[in-house]
Amino acid sequence: LVFGIVGALGLGAVVAIPLIGPVVAAAPAVGDVQGYVELETPFPVP
């Protein structure tokens, strides 16, 4: 929502969350990269 509003106001890139499947928080022992979403069900590259 914030990115959409910022983009609509012409203040930055418009970024929306893709609806690519169920997600989970980063797996145990994975680096804590802010904003990274690990997929619960990975999918093949298009």
ModelCIF file with pLDDT and N, C-alpha, C, O atoms, coordinates in Angstrom:
data_MODEL
#
_entry.id   MODEL 
#
_entity.id                         1 
_entity.type                       polymer 
_entity.pdbx_number_of_molecules   1 
#
_entity_poly.entity_id                      1 
_entity_poly.type                           'polypeptide(L)' 
_entity_poly.nstd_linkage                   no 
_entity_poly.nstd_monomer                   no 
_entity_poly.pdbx_seq_one_letter_code       LVFGIVGALGLGAVVAIPLIGPVVAAAPAVGDVQGYVELETPFPVP 
_entity_poly.pdbx_seq_one_letter_code_can   LVFGIVGALGLGAVVAIPLIGPVVAAAPAVGDVQGYVELETPFPVP 
_entity_poly.pdbx_strand_id                 A 
#
loop_
_entity_poly_seq.entity_id 
_entity_poly_seq.num 
_entity_poly_seq.mon_id 
_entity_poly_seq.hetero 
1 1  LEU n 
1 2  VAL n 
1 3  PHE n 
1 4  GLY n 
1 5  ILE n 
1 6  VAL n 
1 7  GLY n 
1 8  ALA n 
1 9  LEU n 
1 10 GLY n 
1 11 LEU n 
1 12 GLY n 
1 13 ALA n 
1 14 VAL n 
1 15 VAL n 
1 16 ALA n 
1 17 ILE n 
1 18 PRO n 
1 19 LEU n 
1 20 ILE n 
1 21 GLY n 
1 22 PRO n 
1 23 VAL n 
1 24 VAL n 
1 25 ALA n 
1 26 ALA n 
1 27 ALA n 
1 28 PRO n 
1 29 ALA n 
1 30 VAL n 
1 31 GLY n 
1 32 ASP n 
1 33 VAL n 
1 34 GLN n 
1 35 GLY n 
1 36 TYR n 
1 37 VAL n 
1 38 GLU n 
1 39 LEU n 
1 40 GLU n 
1 41 THR n 
1 42 PRO n 
1 43 PHE n 
1 44 PRO n 
1 45 VAL n 
1 46 PRO n 
#
_struct_asym.id          A 
_struct_asym.entity_id   1 
#
loop_
_ma_qa_metric.id 
_ma_qa_metric.mode 
_ma_qa_metric.name 
_ma_qa_metric.software_group_id 
_ma_qa_metric.type 
1 global pLDDT . pLDDT 
2 local  pLDDT . pLDDT 
#
_ma_qa_metric_global.metric_id      1 
_ma_qa_metric_global.metric_value   56.30 
_ma_qa_metric_global.model_id       1 
_ma_qa_metric_global.ordinal_id     1 
#
loop_
_ma_qa_metric_local.label_asym_id 
_ma_qa_metric_local.label_comp_id 
_ma_qa_metric_local.label_seq_id 
_ma_qa_metric_local.metric_id 
_ma_qa_metric_local.metric_value 
_ma_qa_metric_local.model_id 
_ma_qa_metric_local.ordinal_id 
A LEU 1  2 33.00 1 1  
A VAL 2  2 34.00 1 2  
A PHE 3  2 38.00 1 3  
A GLY 4  2 37.00 1 4  
A ILE 5  2 30.00 1 5  
A VAL 6  2 34.00 1 6  
A GLY 7  2 37.00 1 7  
A ALA 8  2 34.00 1 8  
A LEU 9  2 32.00 1 9  
A GLY 10 2 37.00 1 10 
A LEU 11 2 35.00 1 11 
A GLY 12 2 40.00 1 12 
A ALA 13 2 41.00 1 13 
A VAL 14 2 39.00 1 14 
A VAL 15 2 38.00 1 15 
A ALA 16 2 38.00 1 16 
A ILE 17 2 34.00 1 17 
A PRO 18 2 39.00 1 18 
A LEU 19 2 40.00 1 19 
A ILE 20 2 42.00 1 20 
A GLY 21 2 41.00 1 21 
A PRO 22 2 39.00 1 22 
A VAL 23 2 39.00 1 23 
A VAL 24 2 40.00 1 24 
A ALA 25 2 41.00 1 25 
A ALA 26 2 39.00 1 26 
A ALA 27 2 42.00 1 27 
A PRO 28 2 37.00 1 28 
A ALA 29 2 38.00 1 29 
A VAL 30 2 52.00 1 30 
A GLY 31 2 59.00 1 31 
A ASP 32 2 74.00 1 32 
A VAL 33 2 87.00 1 33 
A GLN 34 2 89.00 1 34 
A GLY 35 2 92.00 1 35 
A TYR 36 2 94.00 1 36 
A VAL 37 2 94.00 1 37 
A GLU 38 2 94.00 1 38 
A LEU 39 2 95.00 1 39 
A GLU 40 2 94.00 1 40 
A THR 41 2 95.00 1 41 
A PRO 42 2 96.00 1 42 
A PHE 43 2 96.00 1 43 
A PRO 44 2 97.00 1 44 
A VAL 45 2 97.00 1 45 
A PRO 46 2 97.00 1 46 
#
loop_
_atom_site.group_PDB 
_atom_site.id 
_atom_site.type_symbol 
_atom_site.label_atom_id 
_atom_site.label_alt_id 
_atom_site.label_comp_id 
_atom_site.label_asym_id 
_atom_site.label_entity_id 
_atom_site.label_seq_id 
_atom_site.pdbx_PDB_ins_code 
_atom_site.Cartn_x 
_atom_site.Cartn_y 
_atom_site.Cartn_z 
_atom_site.occupancy 
_atom_site.B_iso_or_equiv 
_atom_site.pdbx_formal_charge 
_atom_site.auth_seq_id 
_atom_site.auth_comp_id 
_atom_site.auth_asym_id 
_atom_site.auth_atom_id 
_atom_site.pdbx_PDB_model_num 
ATOM 1   N N  . LEU A 1 1  ? 0.832  -1.198  0.000   1.00 33.00 ? 1  LEU A N  1 
ATOM 2   C CA . LEU A 1 1  ? 0.000  0.000   0.000   1.00 33.00 ? 1  LEU A CA 1 
ATOM 3   C C  . LEU A 1 1  ? 0.867  1.249   0.000   1.00 33.00 ? 1  LEU A C  1 
ATOM 4   O O  . LEU A 1 1  ? 0.605  2.189   -0.750  1.00 33.00 ? 1  LEU A O  1 
ATOM 5   N N  . VAL A 1 2  ? 1.893  1.264   0.833   1.00 34.00 ? 2  VAL A N  1 
ATOM 6   C CA . VAL A 1 2  ? 2.785  2.417   0.905   1.00 34.00 ? 2  VAL A CA 1 
ATOM 7   C C  . VAL A 1 2  ? 3.476  2.630   -0.432  1.00 34.00 ? 2  VAL A C  1 
ATOM 8   O O  . VAL A 1 2  ? 3.512  3.753   -0.935  1.00 34.00 ? 2  VAL A O  1 
ATOM 9   N N  . PHE A 1 3  ? 4.034  1.551   -1.025  1.00 38.00 ? 3  PHE A N  1 
ATOM 10  C CA . PHE A 1 3  ? 4.706  1.691   -2.312  1.00 38.00 ? 3  PHE A CA 1 
ATOM 11  C C  . PHE A 1 3  ? 3.724  2.147   -3.386  1.00 38.00 ? 3  PHE A C  1 
ATOM 12  O O  . PHE A 1 3  ? 4.076  2.960   -4.241  1.00 38.00 ? 3  PHE A O  1 
ATOM 13  N N  . GLY A 1 4  ? 2.495  1.630   -3.349  1.00 37.00 ? 4  GLY A N  1 
ATOM 14  C CA . GLY A 1 4  ? 1.492  2.025   -4.332  1.00 37.00 ? 4  GLY A CA 1 
ATOM 15  C C  . GLY A 1 4  ? 1.153  3.502   -4.211  1.00 37.00 ? 4  GLY A C  1 
ATOM 16  O O  . GLY A 1 4  ? 1.025  4.197   -5.219  1.00 37.00 ? 4  GLY A O  1 
ATOM 17  N N  . ILE A 1 5  ? 1.006  3.984   -2.982  1.00 30.00 ? 5  ILE A N  1 
ATOM 18  C CA . ILE A 1 5  ? 0.698  5.399   -2.754  1.00 30.00 ? 5  ILE A CA 1 
ATOM 19  C C  . ILE A 1 5  ? 1.876  6.258   -3.182  1.00 30.00 ? 5  ILE A C  1 
ATOM 20  O O  . ILE A 1 5  ? 1.696  7.266   -3.865  1.00 30.00 ? 5  ILE A O  1 
ATOM 21  N N  . VAL A 1 6  ? 3.090  5.862   -2.783  1.00 34.00 ? 6  VAL A N  1 
ATOM 22  C CA . VAL A 1 6  ? 4.276  6.616   -3.168  1.00 34.00 ? 6  VAL A CA 1 
ATOM 23  C C  . VAL A 1 6  ? 4.387  6.676   -4.680  1.00 34.00 ? 6  VAL A C  1 
ATOM 24  O O  . VAL A 1 6  ? 4.681  7.733   -5.238  1.00 34.00 ? 6  VAL A O  1 
ATOM 25  N N  . GLY A 1 7  ? 4.151  5.538   -5.360  1.00 37.00 ? 7  GLY A N  1 
ATOM 26  C CA . GLY A 1 7  ? 4.216  5.508   -6.818  1.00 37.00 ? 7  GLY A CA 1 
ATOM 27  C C  . GLY A 1 7  ? 3.148  6.372   -7.444  1.00 37.00 ? 7  GLY A C  1 
ATOM 28  O O  . GLY A 1 7  ? 3.416  7.088   -8.409  1.00 37.00 ? 7  GLY A O  1 
ATOM 29  N N  . ALA A 1 8  ? 1.940  6.319   -6.911  1.00 34.00 ? 8  ALA A N  1 
ATOM 30  C CA . ALA A 1 8  ? 0.844  7.121   -7.462  1.00 34.00 ? 8  ALA A CA 1 
ATOM 31  C C  . ALA A 1 8  ? 1.130  8.610   -7.338  1.00 34.00 ? 8  ALA A C  1 
ATOM 32  O O  . ALA A 1 8  ? 0.697  9.405   -8.172  1.00 34.00 ? 8  ALA A O  1 
ATOM 33  N N  . LEU A 1 9  ? 1.854  8.976   -6.304  1.00 32.00 ? 9  LEU A N  1 
ATOM 34  C CA . LEU A 1 9  ? 2.200  10.383  -6.124  1.00 32.00 ? 9  LEU A CA 1 
ATOM 35  C C  . LEU A 1 9  ? 3.432  10.782  -6.930  1.00 32.00 ? 9  LEU A C  1 
ATOM 36  O O  . LEU A 1 9  ? 3.850  11.940  -6.916  1.00 32.00 ? 9  LEU A O  1 
ATOM 37  N N  . GLY A 1 10 ? 4.006  9.805   -7.631  1.00 37.00 ? 10 GLY A N  1 
ATOM 38  C CA . GLY A 1 10 ? 5.183  10.093  -8.437  1.00 37.00 ? 10 GLY A CA 1 
ATOM 39  C C  . GLY A 1 10 ? 6.448  10.234  -7.609  1.00 37.00 ? 10 GLY A C  1 
ATOM 40  O O  . GLY A 1 10 ? 7.403  10.884  -8.035  1.00 37.00 ? 10 GLY A O  1 
ATOM 41  N N  . LEU A 1 11 ? 6.459  9.625   -6.424  1.00 35.00 ? 11 LEU A N  1 
ATOM 42  C CA . LEU A 1 11 ? 7.594  9.787   -5.532  1.00 35.00 ? 11 LEU A CA 1 
ATOM 43  C C  . LEU A 1 11 ? 8.560  8.608   -5.555  1.00 35.00 ? 11 LEU A C  1 
ATOM 44  O O  . LEU A 1 11 ? 9.579  8.646   -4.867  1.00 35.00 ? 11 LEU A O  1 
ATOM 45  N N  . GLY A 1 12 ? 8.277  7.588   -6.306  1.00 40.00 ? 12 GLY A N  1 
ATOM 46  C CA . GLY A 1 12 ? 9.183  6.454   -6.332  1.00 40.00 ? 12 GLY A CA 1 
ATOM 47  C C  . GLY A 1 12 ? 8.638  5.352   -7.201  1.00 40.00 ? 12 GLY A C  1 
ATOM 48  O O  . GLY A 1 12 ? 7.622  5.512   -7.878  1.00 40.00 ? 12 GLY A O  1 
ATOM 49  N N  . ALA A 1 13 ? 9.327  4.232   -7.174  1.00 41.00 ? 13 ALA A N  1 
ATOM 50  C CA . ALA A 1 13 ? 8.925  3.096   -7.982  1.00 41.00 ? 13 ALA A CA 1 
ATOM 51  C C  . ALA A 1 13 ? 7.654  2.477   -7.425  1.00 41.00 ? 13 ALA A C  1 
ATOM 52  O O  . ALA A 1 13 ? 7.479  2.400   -6.209  1.00 41.00 ? 13 ALA A O  1 
ATOM 53  N N  . VAL A 1 14 ? 6.785  2.043   -8.292  1.00 39.00 ? 14 VAL A N  1 
ATOM 54  C CA . VAL A 1 14 ? 5.582  1.350   -7.867  1.00 39.00 ? 14 VAL A CA 1 
ATOM 55  C C  . VAL A 1 14 ? 5.940  -0.112  -7.690  1.00 39.00 ? 14 VAL A C  1 
ATOM 56  O O  . VAL A 1 14 ? 6.394  -0.767  -8.628  1.00 39.00 ? 14 VAL A O  1 
ATOM 57  N N  . VAL A 1 15 ? 5.737  -0.615  -6.502  1.00 38.00 ? 15 VAL A N  1 
ATOM 58  C CA . VAL A 1 15 ? 6.051  -2.002  -6.212  1.00 38.00 ? 15 VAL A CA 1 
ATOM 59  C C  . VAL A 1 15 ? 4.844  -2.602  -5.528  1.00 38.00 ? 15 VAL A C  1 
ATOM 60  O O  . VAL A 1 15 ? 4.349  -2.054  -4.543  1.00 38.00 ? 15 VAL A O  1 
ATOM 61  N N  . ALA A 1 16 ? 4.367  -3.714  -6.036  1.00 38.00 ? 16 ALA A N  1 
ATOM 62  C CA . ALA A 1 16 ? 3.253  -4.414  -5.420  1.00 38.00 ? 16 ALA A CA 1 
ATOM 63  C C  . ALA A 1 16 ? 3.686  -5.836  -5.125  1.00 38.00 ? 16 ALA A C  1 
ATOM 64  O O  . ALA A 1 16 ? 4.576  -6.374  -5.782  1.00 38.00 ? 16 ALA A O  1 
ATOM 65  N N  . ILE A 1 17 ? 3.062  -6.430  -4.149  1.00 34.00 ? 17 ILE A N  1 
ATOM 66  C CA . ILE A 1 17 ? 3.392  -7.791  -3.768  1.00 34.00 ? 17 ILE A CA 1 
ATOM 67  C C  . ILE A 1 17 ? 2.824  -8.755  -4.803  1.00 34.00 ? 17 ILE A C  1 
ATOM 68  O O  . ILE A 1 17 ? 1.620  -8.738  -5.061  1.00 34.00 ? 17 ILE A O  1 
ATOM 69  N N  . PRO A 1 18 ? 3.673  -9.602  -5.404  1.00 39.00 ? 18 PRO A N  1 
ATOM 70  C CA . PRO A 1 18 ? 3.157  -10.559 -6.370  1.00 39.00 ? 18 PRO A CA 1 
ATOM 71  C C  . PRO A 1 18 ? 2.398  -11.669 -5.656  1.00 39.00 ? 18 PRO A C  1 
ATOM 72  O O  . PRO A 1 18 ? 2.769  -12.070 -4.553  1.00 39.00 ? 18 PRO A O  1 
ATOM 73  N N  . LEU A 1 19 ? 1.375  -12.148 -6.262  1.00 40.00 ? 19 LEU A N  1 
ATOM 74  C CA . LEU A 1 19 ? 0.594  -13.225 -5.677  1.00 40.00 ? 19 LEU A CA 1 
ATOM 75  C C  . LEU A 1 19 ? 1.107  -14.543 -6.242  1.00 40.00 ? 19 LEU A C  1 
ATOM 76  O O  . LEU A 1 19 ? 0.508  -15.116 -7.152  1.00 40.00 ? 19 LEU A O  1 
ATOM 77  N N  . ILE A 1 20 ? 2.224  -15.018 -5.694  1.00 42.00 ? 20 ILE A N  1 
ATOM 78  C CA . ILE A 1 20 ? 2.876  -16.177 -6.262  1.00 42.00 ? 20 ILE A CA 1 
ATOM 79  C C  . ILE A 1 20 ? 2.761  -17.427 -5.407  1.00 42.00 ? 20 ILE A C  1 
ATOM 80  O O  . ILE A 1 20 ? 3.447  -18.414 -5.673  1.00 42.00 ? 20 ILE A O  1 
ATOM 81  N N  . GLY A 1 21 ? 1.934  -17.411 -4.412  1.00 41.00 ? 21 GLY A N  1 
ATOM 82  C CA . GLY A 1 21 ? 1.719  -18.623 -3.650  1.00 41.00 ? 21 GLY A CA 1 
ATOM 83  C C  . GLY A 1 21 ? 1.916  -18.401 -2.169  1.00 41.00 ? 21 GLY A C  1 
ATOM 84  O O  . GLY A 1 21 ? 2.273  -17.306 -1.733  1.00 41.00 ? 21 GLY A O  1 
ATOM 85  N N  . PRO A 1 22 ? 1.678  -19.458 -1.389  1.00 39.00 ? 22 PRO A N  1 
ATOM 86  C CA . PRO A 1 22 ? 1.841  -19.350 0.053   1.00 39.00 ? 22 PRO A CA 1 
ATOM 87  C C  . PRO A 1 22 ? 3.273  -19.010 0.415   1.00 39.00 ? 22 PRO A C  1 
ATOM 88  O O  . PRO A 1 22 ? 4.212  -19.462 -0.241  1.00 39.00 ? 22 PRO A O  1 
ATOM 89  N N  . VAL A 1 23 ? 3.435  -18.227 1.438   1.00 39.00 ? 23 VAL A N  1 
ATOM 90  C CA . VAL A 1 23 ? 4.766  -17.832 1.862   1.00 39.00 ? 23 VAL A CA 1 
ATOM 91  C C  . VAL A 1 23 ? 4.961  -18.178 3.327   1.00 39.00 ? 23 VAL A C  1 
ATOM 92  O O  . VAL A 1 23 ? 4.004  -18.357 4.080   1.00 39.00 ? 23 VAL A O  1 
ATOM 93  N N  . VAL A 1 24 ? 6.215  -18.267 3.704   1.00 40.00 ? 24 VAL A N  1 
ATOM 94  C CA . VAL A 1 24 ? 6.577  -18.453 5.102   1.00 40.00 ? 24 VAL A CA 1 
ATOM 95  C C  . VAL A 1 24 ? 7.708  -17.489 5.392   1.00 40.00 ? 24 VAL A C  1 
ATOM 96  O O  . VAL A 1 24 ? 8.343  -16.962 4.479   1.00 40.00 ? 24 VAL A O  1 
ATOM 97  N N  . ALA A 1 25 ? 7.950  -17.270 6.650   1.00 41.00 ? 25 ALA A N  1 
ATOM 98  C CA . ALA A 1 25 ? 9.106  -16.463 7.012   1.00 41.00 ? 25 ALA A CA 1 
ATOM 99  C C  . ALA A 1 25 ? 10.359 -17.221 6.608   1.00 41.00 ? 25 ALA A C  1 
ATOM 100 O O  . ALA A 1 25 ? 10.309 -18.424 6.349   1.00 41.00 ? 25 ALA A O  1 
ATOM 101 N N  . ALA A 1 26 ? 11.478 -16.520 6.556   1.00 39.00 ? 26 ALA A N  1 
ATOM 102 C CA . ALA A 1 26 ? 12.734 -17.148 6.170   1.00 39.00 ? 26 ALA A CA 1 
ATOM 103 C C  . ALA A 1 26 ? 12.981 -18.392 7.016   1.00 39.00 ? 26 ALA A C  1 
ATOM 104 O O  . ALA A 1 26 ? 12.694 -18.416 8.213   1.00 39.00 ? 26 ALA A O  1 
ATOM 105 N N  . ALA A 1 27 ? 13.511 -19.409 6.377   1.00 42.00 ? 27 ALA A N  1 
ATOM 106 C CA . ALA A 1 27 ? 13.768 -20.693 7.029   1.00 42.00 ? 27 ALA A CA 1 
ATOM 107 C C  . ALA A 1 27 ? 14.825 -20.537 8.117   1.00 42.00 ? 27 ALA A C  1 
ATOM 108 O O  . ALA A 1 27 ? 15.597 -19.579 8.097   1.00 42.00 ? 27 ALA A O  1 
ATOM 109 N N  . PRO A 1 28 ? 14.866 -21.472 9.066   1.00 37.00 ? 28 PRO A N  1 
ATOM 110 C CA . PRO A 1 28 ? 15.888 -21.413 10.101  1.00 37.00 ? 28 PRO A CA 1 
ATOM 111 C C  . PRO A 1 28 ? 17.276 -21.395 9.470   1.00 37.00 ? 28 PRO A C  1 
ATOM 112 O O  . PRO A 1 28 ? 17.501 -22.048 8.451   1.00 37.00 ? 28 PRO A O  1 
ATOM 113 N N  . ALA A 1 29 ? 18.192 -20.667 10.055  1.00 38.00 ? 29 ALA A N  1 
ATOM 114 C CA . ALA A 1 29 ? 19.582 -20.545 9.622   1.00 38.00 ? 29 ALA A CA 1 
ATOM 115 C C  . ALA A 1 29 ? 19.730 -19.711 8.356   1.00 38.00 ? 29 ALA A C  1 
ATOM 116 O O  . ALA A 1 29 ? 20.826 -19.623 7.804   1.00 38.00 ? 29 ALA A O  1 
ATOM 117 N N  . VAL A 1 30 ? 18.652 -19.101 7.888   1.00 52.00 ? 30 VAL A N  1 
ATOM 118 C CA . VAL A 1 30 ? 18.733 -18.240 6.709   1.00 52.00 ? 30 VAL A CA 1 
ATOM 119 C C  . VAL A 1 30 ? 19.019 -16.824 7.192   1.00 52.00 ? 30 VAL A C  1 
ATOM 120 O O  . VAL A 1 30 ? 18.505 -16.389 8.222   1.00 52.00 ? 30 VAL A O  1 
ATOM 121 N N  . GLY A 1 31 ? 19.843 -16.118 6.435   1.00 59.00 ? 31 GLY A N  1 
ATOM 122 C CA . GLY A 1 31 ? 20.155 -14.734 6.789   1.00 59.00 ? 31 GLY A CA 1 
ATOM 123 C C  . GLY A 1 31 ? 18.893 -13.901 6.888   1.00 59.00 ? 31 GLY A C  1 
ATOM 124 O O  . GLY A 1 31 ? 17.913 -14.151 6.186   1.00 59.00 ? 31 GLY A O  1 
ATOM 125 N N  . ASP A 1 32 ? 18.923 -12.924 7.750   1.00 74.00 ? 32 ASP A N  1 
ATOM 126 C CA . ASP A 1 32 ? 17.772 -12.067 7.990   1.00 74.00 ? 32 ASP A CA 1 
ATOM 127 C C  . ASP A 1 32 ? 17.810 -10.878 7.037   1.00 74.00 ? 32 ASP A C  1 
ATOM 128 O O  . ASP A 1 32 ? 18.225 -9.783  7.418   1.00 74.00 ? 32 ASP A O  1 
ATOM 129 N N  . VAL A 1 33 ? 17.377 -11.094 5.796   1.00 87.00 ? 33 VAL A N  1 
ATOM 130 C CA . VAL A 1 33 ? 17.344 -10.027 4.801   1.00 87.00 ? 33 VAL A CA 1 
ATOM 131 C C  . VAL A 1 33 ? 15.953 -9.421  4.859   1.00 87.00 ? 33 VAL A C  1 
ATOM 132 O O  . VAL A 1 33 ? 14.968 -10.082 4.531   1.00 87.00 ? 33 VAL A O  1 
ATOM 133 N N  . GLN A 1 34 ? 15.872 -8.163  5.276   1.00 89.00 ? 34 GLN A N  1 
ATOM 134 C CA . GLN A 1 34 ? 14.580 -7.515  5.460   1.00 89.00 ? 34 GLN A CA 1 
ATOM 135 C C  . GLN A 1 34 ? 13.791 -7.506  4.154   1.00 89.00 ? 34 GLN A C  1 
ATOM 136 O O  . GLN A 1 34 ? 14.282 -7.068  3.114   1.00 89.00 ? 34 GLN A O  1 
ATOM 137 N N  . GLY A 1 35 ? 12.555 -8.000  4.233   1.00 92.00 ? 35 GLY A N  1 
ATOM 138 C CA . GLY A 1 35 ? 11.670 -8.023  3.078   1.00 92.00 ? 35 GLY A CA 1 
ATOM 139 C C  . GLY A 1 35 ? 11.713 -9.305  2.275   1.00 92.00 ? 35 GLY A C  1 
ATOM 140 O O  . GLY A 1 35 ? 10.856 -9.513  1.416   1.00 92.00 ? 35 GLY A O  1 
ATOM 141 N N  . TYR A 1 36 ? 12.690 -10.179 2.526   1.00 94.00 ? 36 TYR A N  1 
ATOM 142 C CA . TYR A 1 36 ? 12.773 -11.438 1.782   1.00 94.00 ? 36 TYR A CA 1 
ATOM 143 C C  . TYR A 1 36 ? 11.653 -12.371 2.223   1.00 94.00 ? 36 TYR A C  1 
ATOM 144 O O  . TYR A 1 36 ? 11.395 -12.529 3.417   1.00 94.00 ? 36 TYR A O  1 
ATOM 145 N N  . VAL A 1 37 ? 10.994 -12.982 1.252   1.00 94.00 ? 37 VAL A N  1 
ATOM 146 C CA . VAL A 1 37 ? 9.905  -13.911 1.524   1.00 94.00 ? 37 VAL A CA 1 
ATOM 147 C C  . VAL A 1 37 ? 10.258 -15.253 0.908   1.00 94.00 ? 37 VAL A C  1 
ATOM 148 O O  . VAL A 1 37 ? 10.418 -15.364 -0.308  1.00 94.00 ? 37 VAL A O  1 
ATOM 149 N N  . GLU A 1 38 ? 10.379 -16.273 1.749   1.00 94.00 ? 38 GLU A N  1 
ATOM 150 C CA . GLU A 1 38 ? 10.632 -17.621 1.251   1.00 94.00 ? 38 GLU A CA 1 
ATOM 151 C C  . GLU A 1 38 ? 9.292  -18.277 0.943   1.00 94.00 ? 38 GLU A C  1 
ATOM 152 O O  . GLU A 1 38 ? 8.358  -18.215 1.743   1.00 94.00 ? 38 GLU A O  1 
ATOM 153 N N  . LEU A 1 39 ? 9.209  -18.900 -0.217  1.00 95.00 ? 39 LEU A N  1 
ATOM 154 C CA . LEU A 1 39 ? 7.968  -19.564 -0.610  1.00 95.00 ? 39 LEU A CA 1 
ATOM 155 C C  . LEU A 1 39 ? 7.807  -20.892 0.105   1.00 95.00 ? 39 LEU A C  1 
ATOM 156 O O  . LEU A 1 39 ? 8.758  -21.665 0.214   1.00 95.00 ? 39 LEU A O  1 
ATOM 157 N N  . GLU A 1 40 ? 6.625  -21.151 0.581   1.00 94.00 ? 40 GLU A N  1 
ATOM 158 C CA . GLU A 1 40 ? 6.313  -22.437 1.184   1.00 94.00 ? 40 GLU A CA 1 
ATOM 159 C C  . GLU A 1 40 ? 6.336  -23.521 0.116   1.00 94.00 ? 40 GLU A C  1 
ATOM 160 O O  . GLU A 1 40 ? 6.780  -24.643 0.360   1.00 94.00 ? 40 GLU A O  1 
ATOM 161 N N  . THR A 1 41 ? 5.850  -23.168 -1.070  1.00 95.00 ? 41 THR A N  1 
ATOM 162 C CA . THR A 1 41 ? 5.823  -24.096 -2.197  1.00 95.00 ? 41 THR A CA 1 
ATOM 163 C C  . THR A 1 41 ? 6.563  -23.450 -3.368  1.00 95.00 ? 41 THR A C  1 
ATOM 164 O O  . THR A 1 41 ? 5.980  -22.654 -4.103  1.00 95.00 ? 41 THR A O  1 
ATOM 165 N N  . PRO A 1 42 ? 7.857  -23.790 -3.548  1.00 96.00 ? 42 PRO A N  1 
ATOM 166 C CA . PRO A 1 42 ? 8.588  -23.238 -4.691  1.00 96.00 ? 42 PRO A CA 1 
ATOM 167 C C  . PRO A 1 42 ? 7.906  -23.635 -6.005  1.00 96.00 ? 42 PRO A C  1 
ATOM 168 O O  . PRO A 1 42 ? 7.211  -24.649 -6.076  1.00 96.00 ? 42 PRO A O  1 
ATOM 169 N N  . PHE A 1 43 ? 8.118  -22.821 -7.037  1.00 96.00 ? 43 PHE A N  1 
ATOM 170 C CA . PHE A 1 43 ? 7.535  -23.118 -8.340  1.00 96.00 ? 43 PHE A CA 1 
ATOM 171 C C  . PHE A 1 43 ? 8.610  -23.030 -9.412  1.00 96.00 ? 43 PHE A C  1 
ATOM 172 O O  . PHE A 1 43 ? 9.594  -22.310 -9.241  1.00 96.00 ? 43 PHE A O  1 
ATOM 173 N N  . PRO A 1 44 ? 8.435  -23.760 -10.525 1.00 97.00 ? 44 PRO A N  1 
ATOM 174 C CA . PRO A 1 44 ? 9.453  -23.741 -11.572 1.00 97.00 ? 44 PRO A CA 1 
ATOM 175 C C  . PRO A 1 44 ? 9.511  -22.389 -12.280 1.00 97.00 ? 44 PRO A C  1 
ATOM 176 O O  . PRO A 1 44 ? 8.508  -21.686 -12.397 1.00 97.00 ? 44 PRO A O  1 
ATOM 177 N N  . VAL A 1 45 ? 10.703 -22.045 -12.747 1.00 97.00 ? 45 VAL A N  1 
ATOM 178 C CA . VAL A 1 45 ? 10.847 -20.797 -13.494 1.00 97.00 ? 45 VAL A CA 1 
ATOM 179 C C  . VAL A 1 45 ? 9.953  -20.858 -14.724 1.00 97.00 ? 45 VAL A C  1 
ATOM 180 O O  . VAL A 1 45 ? 9.762  -21.930 -15.298 1.00 97.00 ? 45 VAL A O  1 
ATOM 181 N N  . PRO A 1 46 ? 9.405  -19.719 -15.135 1.00 97.00 ? 46 PRO A N  1 
ATOM 182 C CA . PRO A 1 46 ? 8.568  -19.712 -16.331 1.00 97.00 ? 46 PRO A CA 1 
ATOM 183 C C  . PRO A 1 46 ? 9.403  -19.988 -17.583 1.00 97.00 ? 46 PRO A C  1 
ATOM 184 O O  . PRO A 1 46 ? 8.864  -20.021 -18.690 1.00 97.00 ? 46 PRO A O  1 
#
